[in-house]
Amino acid sequence: MTRRSLIASRSGDWPADRTVTITVPDHGRSFDISVACSGAIASRLRVSMVVAGGLADQLSCTAWTPGQQPSADVTGGGRAGIPDTLTFRIQAPSSYWATAYAKRSASWTIGIYQEGS
């Protein structure tokens, strides 16, 4: 496994924290995005990633195990000299379950890593 170093991260608690924007500085390399969650509904939450106003990807919250580096859910980057601004929306798996999920708590962390040190 290639060693990755953390370049940006944000954490929050569902349902209070549902949206986060992270600006990733241009380091001249691609980056990996990992989403890890904990709590009773953690693995059921969905994460939408929006880049430049358009939906870029749908991610799942992966149950996190302490001491384990999460695997990459998606890889991004590629515009030389321009930082990437990514917006993540954490949500229930469907609108049908939204009210029930709003009564349950979970913690989430989004980490952005690049290869190397």
PDB file of N, CA and C in Angstrom:
ATOM      1  N   MET A   1       0.841  -1.178   0.000  1.00  0.00           N
ATOM      2  CA  MET A   1       0.000   0.000   0.000  1.00  0.00           C
ATOM      3  C   MET A   1       0.890   1.247   0.000  1.00  0.00           C
ATOM      4  N   THR A   2       0.575   2.209  -0.830  1.00  0.00           N
ATOM      5  CA  THR A   2       1.310   3.456  -0.903  1.00  0.00           C
ATOM      6  C   THR A   2       0.954   4.333   0.282  1.00  0.00           C
ATOM      7  N   ARG A   3       1.948   4.916   0.885  1.00  0.00           N
ATOM      8  CA  ARG A   3       1.741   5.820   2.027  1.00  0.00           C
ATOM      9  C   ARG A   3       1.161   7.126   1.514  1.00  0.00           C
ATOM     10  N   ARG A   4       0.118   7.595   2.174  1.00  0.00           N
ATOM     11  CA  ARG A   4      -0.508   8.860   1.811  1.00  0.00           C
ATOM     12  C   ARG A   4      -0.401   9.819   2.976  1.00  0.00           C
ATOM     13  N   SER A   5      -0.301  11.114   2.673  1.00  0.00           N
ATOM     14  CA  SER A   5      -0.256  12.113   3.743  1.00  0.00           C
ATOM     15  C   SER A   5      -1.512  12.978   3.663  1.00  0.00           C
ATOM     16  N   LEU A   6      -2.031  13.327   4.835  1.00  0.00           N
ATOM     17  CA  LEU A   6      -3.239  14.132   4.937  1.00  0.00           C
ATOM     18  C   LEU A   6      -2.919  15.575   4.565  1.00  0.00           C
ATOM     19  N   ILE A   7      -3.709  16.153   3.645  1.00  0.00           N
ATOM     20  CA  ILE A   7      -3.503  17.560   3.274  1.00  0.00           C
ATOM     21  C   ILE A   7      -4.676  18.448   3.685  1.00  0.00           C
ATOM     22  N   ALA A   8      -5.846  17.846   3.966  1.00  0.00           N
ATOM     23  CA  ALA A   8      -7.004  18.622   4.440  1.00  0.00           C
ATOM     24  C   ALA A   8      -8.011  17.658   5.042  1.00  0.00           C
ATOM     25  N   SER A   9      -8.731  18.121   6.059  1.00  0.00           N
ATOM     26  CA  SER A   9      -9.806  17.300   6.620  1.00  0.00           C
ATOM     27  C   SER A   9     -10.829  18.176   7.323  1.00  0.00           C
ATOM     28  N   ARG A  10     -12.027  17.658   7.419  1.00  0.00           N
ATOM     29  CA  ARG A  10     -13.101  18.299   8.174  1.00  0.00           C
ATOM     30  C   ARG A  10     -13.915  17.193   8.825  1.00  0.00           C
ATOM     31  N   SER A  11     -14.477  17.509   9.990  1.00  0.00           N
ATOM     32  CA  SER A  11     -15.300  16.552  10.717  1.00  0.00           C
ATOM     33  C   SER A  11     -16.580  17.240  11.171  1.00  0.00           C
ATOM     34  N   GLY A  12     -17.591  16.438  11.428  1.00  0.00           N
ATOM     35  CA  GLY A  12     -18.848  16.987  11.913  1.00  0.00           C
ATOM     36  C   GLY A  12     -19.716  15.900  12.515  1.00  0.00           C
ATOM     37  N   ASP A  13     -20.864  16.321  13.022  1.00  0.00           N
ATOM     38  CA  ASP A  13     -21.822  15.411  13.642  1.00  0.00           C
ATOM     39  C   ASP A  13     -23.166  15.521  12.943  1.00  0.00           C
ATOM     40  N   TRP A  14     -23.643  14.404  12.408  1.00  0.00           N
ATOM     41  CA  TRP A  14     -24.964  14.309  11.815  1.00  0.00           C
ATOM     42  C   TRP A  14     -25.993  14.306  12.935  1.00  0.00           C
ATOM     43  N   PRO A  15     -27.097  14.970  12.856  1.00  0.00           N
ATOM     44  CA  PRO A  15     -27.627  15.680  11.702  1.00  0.00           C
ATOM     45  C   PRO A  15     -27.314  17.176  11.679  1.00  0.00           C
ATOM     46  N   ALA A  16     -26.649  17.707  12.710  1.00  0.00           N
ATOM     47  CA  ALA A  16     -26.382  19.152  12.760  1.00  0.00           C
ATOM     48  C   ALA A  16     -25.493  19.619  11.608  1.00  0.00           C
ATOM     49  N   ASP A  17     -24.461  18.856  11.298  1.00  0.00           N
ATOM     50  CA  ASP A  17     -23.509  19.240  10.258  1.00  0.00           C
ATOM     51  C   ASP A  17     -23.772  18.404   9.012  1.00  0.00           C
ATOM     52  N   ARG A  18     -24.344  19.031   8.008  1.00  0.00           N
ATOM     53  CA  ARG A  18     -24.731  18.300   6.795  1.00  0.00           C
ATOM     54  C   ARG A  18     -23.993  18.751   5.546  1.00  0.00           C
ATOM     55  N   THR A  19     -23.332  19.891   5.604  1.00  0.00           N
ATOM     56  CA  THR A  19     -22.623  20.410   4.433  1.00  0.00           C
ATOM     57  C   THR A  19     -21.279  20.960   4.863  1.00  0.00           C
ATOM     58  N   VAL A  20     -20.249  20.682   4.064  1.00  0.00           N
ATOM     59  CA  VAL A  20     -18.919  21.212   4.339  1.00  0.00           C
ATOM     60  C   VAL A  20     -18.228  21.497   3.005  1.00  0.00           C
ATOM     61  N   THR A  21     -17.490  22.594   2.971  1.00  0.00           N
ATOM     62  CA  THR A  21     -16.701  22.944   1.786  1.00  0.00           C
ATOM     63  C   THR A  21     -15.228  22.922   2.164  1.00  0.00           C
ATOM     64  N   ILE A  22     -14.436  22.265   1.335  1.00  0.00           N
ATOM     65  CA  ILE A  22     -12.998  22.155   1.560  1.00  0.00           C
ATOM     66  C   ILE A  22     -12.286  22.636   0.304  1.00  0.00           C
ATOM     67  N   THR A  23     -11.346  23.549   0.473  1.00  0.00           N
ATOM     68  CA  THR A  23     -10.508  23.986  -0.641  1.00  0.00           C
ATOM     69  C   THR A  23      -9.181  23.255  -0.539  1.00  0.00           C
ATOM     70  N   VAL A  24      -8.856  22.534  -1.585  1.00  0.00           N
ATOM     71  CA  VAL A  24      -7.631  21.746  -1.628  1.00  0.00           C
ATOM     72  C   VAL A  24      -6.592  22.526  -2.423  1.00  0.00           C
ATOM     73  N   PRO A  25      -5.483  22.916  -1.775  1.00  0.00           N
ATOM     74  CA  PRO A  25      -4.456  23.657  -2.500  1.00  0.00           C
ATOM     75  C   PRO A  25      -3.817  22.783  -3.583  1.00  0.00           C
ATOM     76  N   ASP A  26      -3.381  23.417  -4.659  1.00  0.00           N
ATOM     77  CA  ASP A  26      -2.720  22.675  -5.732  1.00  0.00           C
ATOM     78  C   ASP A  26      -1.307  22.323  -5.301  1.00  0.00           C
ATOM     79  N   HIS A  27      -1.034  21.035  -5.201  1.00  0.00           N
ATOM     80  CA  HIS A  27       0.302  20.548  -4.879  1.00  0.00           C
ATOM     81  C   HIS A  27       0.942  19.882  -6.093  1.00  0.00           C
ATOM     82  N   GLY A  28       0.321  20.019  -7.254  1.00  0.00           N
ATOM     83  CA  GLY A  28       0.869  19.420  -8.468  1.00  0.00           C
ATOM     84  C   GLY A  28       0.666  17.921  -8.546  1.00  0.00           C
ATOM     85  N   ARG A  29      -0.162  17.357  -7.682  1.00  0.00           N
ATOM     86  CA  ARG A  29      -0.428  15.919  -7.677  1.00  0.00           C
ATOM     87  C   ARG A  29      -1.928  15.678  -7.538  1.00  0.00           C
ATOM     88  N   SER A  30      -2.350  14.502  -7.929  1.00  0.00           N
ATOM     89  CA  SER A  30      -3.741  14.138  -7.692  1.00  0.00           C
ATOM     90  C   SER A  30      -3.918  13.851  -6.202  1.00  0.00           C
ATOM     91  N   PHE A  31      -5.158  13.788  -5.750  1.00  0.00           N
ATOM     92  CA  PHE A  31      -5.432  13.527  -4.350  1.00  0.00           C
ATOM     93  C   PHE A  31      -6.539  12.487  -4.229  1.00  0.00           C
ATOM     94  N   ASP A  32      -6.583  11.847  -3.079  1.00  0.00           N
ATOM     95  CA  ASP A  32      -7.606  10.854  -2.765  1.00  0.00           C
ATOM     96  C   ASP A  32      -8.517  11.415  -1.688  1.00  0.00           C
ATOM     97  N   ILE A  33      -9.802  11.089  -1.777  1.00  0.00           N
ATOM     98  CA  ILE A  33     -10.778  11.538  -0.800  1.00  0.00           C
ATOM     99  C   ILE A  33     -11.341  10.314  -0.088  1.00  0.00           C
ATOM    100  N   SER A  34     -11.331  10.356   1.239  1.00  0.00           N
ATOM    101  CA  SER A  34     -11.893   9.284   2.050  1.00  0.00           C
ATOM    102  C   SER A  34     -12.962   9.857   2.964  1.00  0.00           C
ATOM    103  N   VAL A  35     -14.045   9.124   3.126  1.00  0.00           N
ATOM    104  CA  VAL A  35     -15.119   9.512   4.028  1.00  0.00           C
ATOM    105  C   VAL A  35     -15.285   8.387   5.046  1.00  0.00           C
ATOM    106  N   ALA A  36     -15.161   8.724   6.314  1.00  0.00           N
ATOM    107  CA  ALA A  36     -15.307   7.727   7.379  1.00  0.00           C
ATOM    108  C   ALA A  36     -16.360   8.227   8.362  1.00  0.00           C
ATOM    109  N   CYS A  37     -17.180   7.303   8.855  1.00  0.00           N
ATOM    110  CA  CYS A  37     -18.257   7.660   9.771  1.00  0.00           C
ATOM    111  C   CYS A  37     -18.298   6.693  10.950  1.00  0.00           C
ATOM    112  N   SER A  38     -18.904   7.141  12.035  1.00  0.00           N
ATOM    113  CA  SER A  38     -19.131   6.265  13.179  1.00  0.00           C
ATOM    114  C   SER A  38     -20.507   6.566  13.746  1.00  0.00           C
ATOM    115  N   GLY A  39     -21.098   5.579  14.385  1.00  0.00           N
ATOM    116  CA  GLY A  39     -22.435   5.713  14.937  1.00  0.00           C
ATOM    117  C   GLY A  39     -23.358   4.670  14.334  1.00  0.00           C
ATOM    118  N   ALA A  40     -24.545   4.560  14.906  1.00  0.00           N
ATOM    119  CA  ALA A  40     -25.489   3.505  14.517  1.00  0.00           C
ATOM    120  C   ALA A  40     -25.897   3.558  13.047  1.00  0.00           C
ATOM    121  N   ILE A  41     -26.008   4.741  12.468  1.00  0.00           N
ATOM    122  CA  ILE A  41     -26.442   4.857  11.070  1.00  0.00           C
ATOM    123  C   ILE A  41     -25.290   5.208  10.133  1.00  0.00           C
ATOM    124  N   ALA A  42     -24.079   5.180  10.635  1.00  0.00           N
ATOM    125  CA  ALA A  42     -22.914   5.666   9.895  1.00  0.00           C
ATOM    126  C   ALA A  42     -22.788   5.089   8.496  1.00  0.00           C
ATOM    127  N   SER A  43     -22.840   3.790   8.363  1.00  0.00           N
ATOM    128  CA  SER A  43     -22.609   3.186   7.053  1.00  0.00           C
ATOM    129  C   SER A  43     -23.781   3.382   6.094  1.00  0.00           C
ATOM    130  N   ARG A  44     -24.890   3.923   6.571  1.00  0.00           N
ATOM    131  CA  ARG A  44     -26.049   4.150   5.703  1.00  0.00           C
ATOM    132  C   ARG A  44     -26.135   5.564   5.155  1.00  0.00           C
ATOM    133  N   LEU A  45     -25.368   6.491   5.730  1.00  0.00           N
ATOM    134  CA  LEU A  45     -25.394   7.865   5.226  1.00  0.00           C
ATOM    135  C   LEU A  45     -24.743   7.929   3.853  1.00  0.00           C
ATOM    136  N   ARG A  46     -25.175   8.870   3.050  1.00  0.00           N
ATOM    137  CA  ARG A  46     -24.623   9.079   1.706  1.00  0.00           C
ATOM    138  C   ARG A  46     -23.989  10.458   1.656  1.00  0.00           C
ATOM    139  N   VAL A  47     -22.981  10.588   0.829  1.00  0.00           N
ATOM    140  CA  VAL A  47     -22.274  11.852   0.694  1.00  0.00           C
ATOM    141  C   VAL A  47     -22.227  12.215  -0.785  1.00  0.00           C
ATOM    142  N   SER A  48     -22.723  13.393  -1.117  1.00  0.00           N
ATOM    143  CA  SER A  48     -22.635  13.908  -2.479  1.00  0.00           C
ATOM    144  C   SER A  48     -21.476  14.883  -2.525  1.00  0.00           C
ATOM    145  N   MET A  49     -20.636  14.772  -3.545  1.00  0.00           N
ATOM    146  CA  MET A  49     -19.517  15.700  -3.717  1.00  0.00           C
ATOM    147  C   MET A  49     -19.811  16.570  -4.933  1.00  0.00           C
ATOM    148  N   VAL A  50     -19.768  17.885  -4.721  1.00  0.00           N
ATOM    149  CA  VAL A  50     -20.040  18.848  -5.776  1.00  0.00           C
ATOM    150  C   VAL A  50     -18.763  19.621  -6.069  1.00  0.00           C
ATOM    151  N   VAL A  51     -18.403  19.690  -7.345  1.00  0.00           N
ATOM    152  CA  VAL A  51     -17.227  20.433  -7.791  1.00  0.00           C
ATOM    153  C   VAL A  51     -17.689  21.409  -8.861  1.00  0.00           C
ATOM    154  N   ALA A  52     -17.335  22.681  -8.726  1.00  0.00           N
ATOM    155  CA  ALA A  52     -17.677  23.721  -9.702  1.00  0.00           C
ATOM    156  C   ALA A  52     -19.173  23.740 -10.019  1.00  0.00           C
ATOM    157  N   GLY A  53     -20.007  23.568  -8.982  1.00  0.00           N
ATOM    158  CA  GLY A  53     -21.446  23.676  -9.144  1.00  0.00           C
ATOM    159  C   GLY A  53     -22.143  22.449  -9.687  1.00  0.00           C
ATOM    160  N   GLY A  54     -21.400  21.410 -10.067  1.00  0.00           N
ATOM    161  CA  GLY A  54     -22.022  20.207 -10.615  1.00  0.00           C
ATOM    162  C   GLY A  54     -21.701  18.978  -9.781  1.00  0.00           C
ATOM    163  N   LEU A  55     -22.644  18.055  -9.723  1.00  0.00           N
ATOM    164  CA  LEU A  55     -22.443  16.821  -8.966  1.00  0.00           C
ATOM    165  C   LEU A  55     -21.291  16.041  -9.578  1.00  0.00           C
ATOM    166  N   ALA A  56     -20.300  15.727  -8.756  1.00  0.00           N
ATOM    167  CA  ALA A  56     -19.132  15.011  -9.244  1.00  0.00           C
ATOM    168  C   ALA A  56     -19.172  13.536  -8.889  1.00  0.00           C
ATOM    169  N   ASP A  57     -19.675  13.204  -7.704  1.00  0.00           N
ATOM    170  CA  ASP A  57     -19.655  11.812  -7.280  1.00  0.00           C
ATOM    171  C   ASP A  57     -20.575  11.610  -6.088  1.00  0.00           C
ATOM    172  N   GLN A  58     -21.033  10.376  -5.918  1.00  0.00           N
ATOM    173  CA  GLN A  58     -21.797   9.960  -4.746  1.00  0.00           C
ATOM    174  C   GLN A  58     -20.915   8.999  -3.959  1.00  0.00           C
ATOM    175  N   LEU A  59     -20.746   9.239  -2.675  1.00  0.00           N
ATOM    176  CA  LEU A  59     -19.895   8.415  -1.830  1.00  0.00           C
ATOM    177  C   LEU A  59     -20.720   7.828  -0.687  1.00  0.00           C
ATOM    178  N   SER A  60     -20.248   6.733  -0.148  1.00  0.00           N
ATOM    179  CA  SER A  60     -20.861   6.155   1.040  1.00  0.00           C
ATOM    180  C   SER A  60     -19.979   6.460   2.236  1.00  0.00           C
ATOM    181  N   CYS A  61     -20.599   6.616   3.380  1.00  0.00           N
ATOM    182  CA  CYS A  61     -19.827   6.740   4.609  1.00  0.00           C
ATOM    183  C   CYS A  61     -19.348   5.344   4.986  1.00  0.00           C
ATOM    184  N   THR A  62     -18.062   5.165   5.124  1.00  0.00           N
ATOM    185  CA  THR A  62     -17.489   3.886   5.494  1.00  0.00           C
ATOM    186  C   THR A  62     -17.308   3.852   6.999  1.00  0.00           C
ATOM    187  N   ALA A  63     -17.731   2.760   7.624  1.00  0.00           N
ATOM    188  CA  ALA A  63     -17.523   2.623   9.061  1.00  0.00           C
ATOM    189  C   ALA A  63     -16.028   2.656   9.338  1.00  0.00           C
ATOM    190  N   TRP A  64     -15.626   3.456  10.306  1.00  0.00           N
ATOM    191  CA  TRP A  64     -14.214   3.678  10.593  1.00  0.00           C
ATOM    192  C   TRP A  64     -13.751   2.801  11.738  1.00  0.00           C
ATOM    193  N   THR A  65     -12.562   2.243  11.582  1.00  0.00           N
ATOM    194  CA  THR A  65     -11.927   1.453  12.626  1.00  0.00           C
ATOM    195  C   THR A  65     -10.724   2.230  13.130  1.00  0.00           C
ATOM    196  N   PRO A  66     -10.625   2.534  14.441  1.00  0.00           N
ATOM    197  CA  PRO A  66      -9.491   3.295  14.960  1.00  0.00           C
ATOM    198  C   PRO A  66      -8.152   2.669  14.567  1.00  0.00           C
ATOM    199  N   GLY A  67      -7.213   3.523  14.180  1.00  0.00           N
ATOM    200  CA  GLY A  67      -5.873   3.080  13.804  1.00  0.00           C
ATOM    201  C   GLY A  67      -5.743   2.653  12.358  1.00  0.00           C
ATOM    202  N   GLN A  68      -6.836   2.611  11.631  1.00  0.00           N
ATOM    203  CA  GLN A  68      -6.805   2.182  10.239  1.00  0.00           C
ATOM    204  C   GLN A  68      -7.006   3.394   9.332  1.00  0.00           C
ATOM    205  N   GLN A  69      -6.147   3.557   8.333  1.00  0.00           N
ATOM    206  CA  GLN A  69      -6.297   4.651   7.381  1.00  0.00           C
ATOM    207  C   GLN A  69      -7.388   4.261   6.399  1.00  0.00           C
ATOM    208  N   PRO A  70      -8.415   5.099   6.239  1.00  0.00           N
ATOM    209  CA  PRO A  70      -9.509   4.746   5.334  1.00  0.00           C
ATOM    210  C   PRO A  70      -9.014   4.617   3.892  1.00  0.00           C
ATOM    211  N   SER A  71      -9.684   3.760   3.145  1.00  0.00           N
ATOM    212  CA  SER A  71      -9.337   3.625   1.730  1.00  0.00           C
ATOM    213  C   SER A  71      -9.918   4.797   0.962  1.00  0.00           C
ATOM    214  N   ALA A  72      -9.359   5.068  -0.199  1.00  0.00           N
ATOM    215  CA  ALA A  72      -9.820   6.188  -1.010  1.00  0.00           C
ATOM    216  C   ALA A  72     -11.164   5.860  -1.641  1.00  0.00           C
ATOM    217  N   ASP A  73     -12.111   6.777  -1.524  1.00  0.00           N
ATOM    218  CA  ASP A  73     -13.415   6.608  -2.144  1.00  0.00           C
ATOM    219  C   ASP A  73     -13.424   7.159  -3.563  1.00  0.00           C
ATOM    220  N   VAL A  74     -12.636   8.198  -3.778  1.00  0.00           N
ATOM    221  CA  VAL A  74     -12.576   8.831  -5.096  1.00  0.00           C
ATOM    222  C   VAL A  74     -11.244   9.576  -5.215  1.00  0.00           C
ATOM    223  N   THR A  75     -10.755   9.724  -6.423  1.00  0.00           N
ATOM    224  CA  THR A  75      -9.522  10.460  -6.683  1.00  0.00           C
ATOM    225  C   THR A  75      -9.865  11.722  -7.462  1.00  0.00           C
ATOM    226  N   GLY A  76      -9.198  12.829  -7.144  1.00  0.00           N
ATOM    227  CA  GLY A  76      -9.481  14.086  -7.822  1.00  0.00           C
ATOM    228  C   GLY A  76      -8.221  14.854  -8.128  1.00  0.00           C
ATOM    229  N   GLY A  77      -8.402  16.062  -8.610  1.00  0.00           N
ATOM    230  CA  GLY A  77      -7.281  16.936  -8.932  1.00  0.00           C
ATOM    231  C   GLY A  77      -7.055  17.003 -10.423  1.00  0.00           C
ATOM    232  N   GLY A  78      -6.061  17.755 -10.820  1.00  0.00           N
ATOM    233  CA  GLY A  78      -5.704  17.769 -12.222  1.00  0.00           C
ATOM    234  C   GLY A  78      -5.674  19.127 -12.898  1.00  0.00           C
ATOM    235  N   ARG A  79      -6.088  20.190 -12.231  1.00  0.00           N
ATOM    236  CA  ARG A  79      -6.029  21.522 -12.845  1.00  0.00           C
ATOM    237  C   ARG A  79      -4.809  22.239 -12.302  1.00  0.00           C
ATOM    238  N   ALA A  80      -3.732  22.228 -13.038  1.00  0.00           N
ATOM    239  CA  ALA A  80      -2.456  22.781 -12.579  1.00  0.00           C
ATOM    240  C   ALA A  80      -2.586  24.234 -12.149  1.00  0.00           C
ATOM    241  N   GLY A  81      -2.063  24.536 -10.951  1.00  0.00           N
ATOM    242  CA  GLY A  81      -2.027  25.892 -10.443  1.00  0.00           C
ATOM    243  C   GLY A  81      -3.337  26.409  -9.872  1.00  0.00           C
ATOM    244  N   ILE A  82      -4.400  25.614  -9.938  1.00  0.00           N
ATOM    245  CA  ILE A  82      -5.703  26.067  -9.471  1.00  0.00           C
ATOM    246  C   ILE A  82      -6.164  25.178  -8.314  1.00  0.00           C
ATOM    247  N   PRO A  83      -6.455  25.767  -7.140  1.00  0.00           N
ATOM    248  CA  PRO A  83      -6.971  24.955  -6.042  1.00  0.00           C
ATOM    249  C   PRO A  83      -8.355  24.403  -6.396  1.00  0.00           C
ATOM    250  N   ASP A  84      -8.682  23.261  -5.848  1.00  0.00           N
ATOM    251  CA  ASP A  84     -10.001  22.654  -6.049  1.00  0.00           C
ATOM    252  C   ASP A  84     -10.885  22.959  -4.847  1.00  0.00           C
ATOM    253  N   THR A  85     -12.091  23.449  -5.090  1.00  0.00           N
ATOM    254  CA  THR A  85     -13.060  23.691  -4.034  1.00  0.00           C
ATOM    255  C   THR A  85     -14.127  22.613  -4.143  1.00  0.00           C
ATOM    256  N   LEU A  86     -14.224  21.817  -3.095  1.00  0.00           N
ATOM    257  CA  LEU A  86     -15.139  20.679  -3.063  1.00  0.00           C
ATOM    258  C   LEU A  86     -16.190  20.906  -1.988  1.00  0.00           C
ATOM    259  N   THR A  87     -17.447  20.690  -2.319  1.00  0.00           N
ATOM    260  CA  THR A  87     -18.529  20.790  -1.351  1.00  0.00           C
ATOM    261  C   THR A  87     -19.124  19.405  -1.170  1.00  0.00           C
ATOM    262  N   PHE A  88     -19.270  18.999   0.086  1.00  0.00           N
ATOM    263  CA  PHE A  88     -19.809  17.686   0.421  1.00  0.00           C
ATOM    264  C   PHE A  88     -21.130  17.874   1.155  1.00  0.00           C
ATOM    265  N   ARG A  89     -22.136  17.093   0.766  1.00  0.00           N
ATOM    266  CA  ARG A  89     -23.443  17.113   1.429  1.00  0.00           C
ATOM    267  C   ARG A  89     -23.705  15.731   2.005  1.00  0.00           C
ATOM    268  N   ILE A  90     -23.868  15.665   3.305  1.00  0.00           N
ATOM    269  CA  ILE A  90     -24.132  14.411   3.987  1.00  0.00           C
ATOM    270  C   ILE A  90     -25.650  14.293   4.130  1.00  0.00           C
ATOM    271  N   GLN A  91     -26.193  13.128   3.742  1.00  0.00           N
ATOM    272  CA  GLN A  91     -27.649  12.996   3.728  1.00  0.00           C
ATOM    273  C   GLN A  91     -28.098  11.563   3.998  1.00  0.00           C
ATOM    274  N   ALA A  92     -29.377  11.428   4.306  1.00  0.00           N
ATOM    275  CA  ALA A  92     -29.992  10.109   4.481  1.00  0.00           C
ATOM    276  C   ALA A  92     -30.009   9.405   3.124  1.00  0.00           C
ATOM    277  N   PRO A  93     -30.082   8.068   3.111  1.00  0.00           N
ATOM    278  CA  PRO A  93     -30.036   7.344   1.848  1.00  0.00           C
ATOM    279  C   PRO A  93     -31.203   7.628   0.907  1.00  0.00           C
ATOM    280  N   SER A  94     -32.325   8.098   1.435  1.00  0.00           N
ATOM    281  CA  SER A  94     -33.457   8.477   0.587  1.00  0.00           C
ATOM    282  C   SER A  94     -34.326   9.471   1.345  1.00  0.00           C
ATOM    283  N   SER A  95     -35.134  10.214   0.611  1.00  0.00           N
ATOM    284  CA  SER A  95     -36.019  11.187   1.258  1.00  0.00           C
ATOM    285  C   SER A  95     -37.059  10.479   2.133  1.00  0.00           C
ATOM    286  N   TYR A  96     -37.386   9.249   1.807  1.00  0.00           N
ATOM    287  CA  TYR A  96     -38.334   8.472   2.602  1.00  0.00           C
ATOM    288  C   TYR A  96     -37.861   8.319   4.042  1.00  0.00           C
ATOM    289  N   TRP A  97     -36.555   8.133   4.234  1.00  0.00           N
ATOM    290  CA  TRP A  97     -35.985   7.903   5.565  1.00  0.00           C
ATOM    291  C   TRP A  97     -35.454   9.174   6.223  1.00  0.00           C
ATOM    292  N   ALA A  98     -35.531  10.315   5.572  1.00  0.00           N
ATOM    293  CA  ALA A  98     -34.903  11.544   6.065  1.00  0.00           C
ATOM    294  C   ALA A  98     -35.355  11.924   7.477  1.00  0.00           C
ATOM    295  N   THR A  99     -36.640  11.850   7.783  1.00  0.00           N
ATOM    296  CA  THR A  99     -37.142  12.239   9.102  1.00  0.00           C
ATOM    297  C   THR A  99     -36.612  11.301  10.185  1.00  0.00           C
ATOM    298  N   ALA A 100     -36.631  10.006   9.922  1.00  0.00           N
ATOM    299  CA  ALA A 100     -36.136   9.034  10.904  1.00  0.00           C
ATOM    300  C   ALA A 100     -34.632   9.209  11.122  1.00  0.00           C
ATOM    301  N   TYR A 101     -33.885   9.445  10.054  1.00  0.00           N
ATOM    302  CA  TYR A 101     -32.432   9.601  10.172  1.00  0.00           C
ATOM    303  C   TYR A 101     -32.066  10.885  10.894  1.00  0.00           C
ATOM    304  N   ALA A 102     -32.889  11.918  10.787  1.00  0.00           N
ATOM    305  CA  ALA A 102     -32.616  13.190  11.457  1.00  0.00           C
ATOM    306  C   ALA A 102     -32.666  13.049  12.979  1.00  0.00           C
ATOM    307  N   LYS A 103     -33.254  11.969  13.477  1.00  0.00           N
ATOM    308  CA  LYS A 103     -33.337  11.730  14.919  1.00  0.00           C
ATOM    309  C   LYS A 103     -32.188  10.878  15.436  1.00  0.00           C
ATOM    310  N   ARG A 104     -31.320  10.416  14.550  1.00  0.00           N
ATOM    311  CA  ARG A 104     -30.195   9.550  14.924  1.00  0.00           C
ATOM    312  C   ARG A 104     -28.899  10.306  14.717  1.00  0.00           C
ATOM    313  N   SER A 105     -27.913  10.038  15.536  1.00  0.00           N
ATOM    314  CA  SER A 105     -26.650  10.766  15.402  1.00  0.00           C
ATOM    315  C   SER A 105     -25.560   9.881  14.798  1.00  0.00           C
ATOM    316  N   ALA A 106     -24.611  10.534  14.191  1.00  0.00           N
ATOM    317  CA  ALA A 106     -23.420   9.880  13.640  1.00  0.00           C
ATOM    318  C   ALA A 106     -22.337  10.948  13.528  1.00  0.00           C
ATOM    319  N   SER A 107     -21.105  10.531  13.541  1.00  0.00           N
ATOM    320  CA  SER A 107     -19.982  11.442  13.325  1.00  0.00           C
ATOM    321  C   SER A 107     -19.366  11.109  11.975  1.00  0.00           C
ATOM    322  N   TRP A 108     -18.872  12.126  11.283  1.00  0.00           N
ATOM    323  CA  TRP A 108     -18.235  11.891   9.994  1.00  0.00           C
ATOM    324  C   TRP A 108     -16.947  12.696   9.887  1.00  0.00           C
ATOM    325  N   THR A 109     -16.024  12.167   9.103  1.00  0.00           N
ATOM    326  CA  THR A 109     -14.783  12.865   8.798  1.00  0.00           C
ATOM    327  C   THR A 109     -14.472  12.663   7.325  1.00  0.00           C
ATOM    328  N   ILE A 110     -14.124  13.740   6.662  1.00  0.00           N
ATOM    329  CA  ILE A 110     -13.699  13.688   5.260  1.00  0.00           C
ATOM    330  C   ILE A 110     -12.229  14.050   5.263  1.00  0.00           C
ATOM    331  N   GLY A 111     -11.413  13.151   4.723  1.00  0.00           N
ATOM    332  CA  GLY A 111      -9.972  13.373   4.649  1.00  0.00           C
ATOM    333  C   GLY A 111      -9.524  13.414   3.203  1.00  0.00           C
ATOM    334  N   ILE A 112      -8.625  14.310   2.914  1.00  0.00           N
ATOM    335  CA  ILE A 112      -8.058  14.417   1.573  1.00  0.00           C
ATOM    336  C   ILE A 112      -6.565  14.170   1.695  1.00  0.00           C
ATOM    337  N   TYR A 113      -6.082  13.198   0.931  1.00  0.00           N
ATOM    338  CA  TYR A 113      -4.720  12.718   1.025  1.00  0.00           C
ATOM    339  C   TYR A 113      -4.029  12.838  -0.323  1.00  0.00           C
ATOM    340  N   GLN A 114      -2.699  12.991  -0.258  1.00  0.00           N
ATOM    341  CA  GLN A 114      -1.910  12.901  -1.483  1.00  0.00           C
ATOM    342  C   GLN A 114      -0.812  11.860  -1.258  1.00  0.00           C
ATOM    343  N   GLU A 115      -0.374  11.305  -2.353  1.00  0.00           N
ATOM    344  CA  GLU A 115       0.661  10.286  -2.260  1.00  0.00           C
ATOM    345  C   GLU A 115       1.974  10.911  -1.829  1.00  0.00           C
ATOM    346  N   GLY A 116       2.723  10.202  -0.993  1.00  0.00           N
ATOM    347  CA  GLY A 116       4.029  10.689  -0.554  1.00  0.00           C
ATOM    348  C   GLY A 116       3.971  11.287   0.829  1.00  0.00           C
ATOM    349  N   SER A 117       5.018  12.011   1.162  1.00  0.00           N
ATOM    350  CA  SER A 117       5.129  12.563   2.521  1.00  0.00           C
ATOM    351  C   SER A 117       4.738  14.006   2.593  1.00  0.00           C
TER     352      SER A 117
END
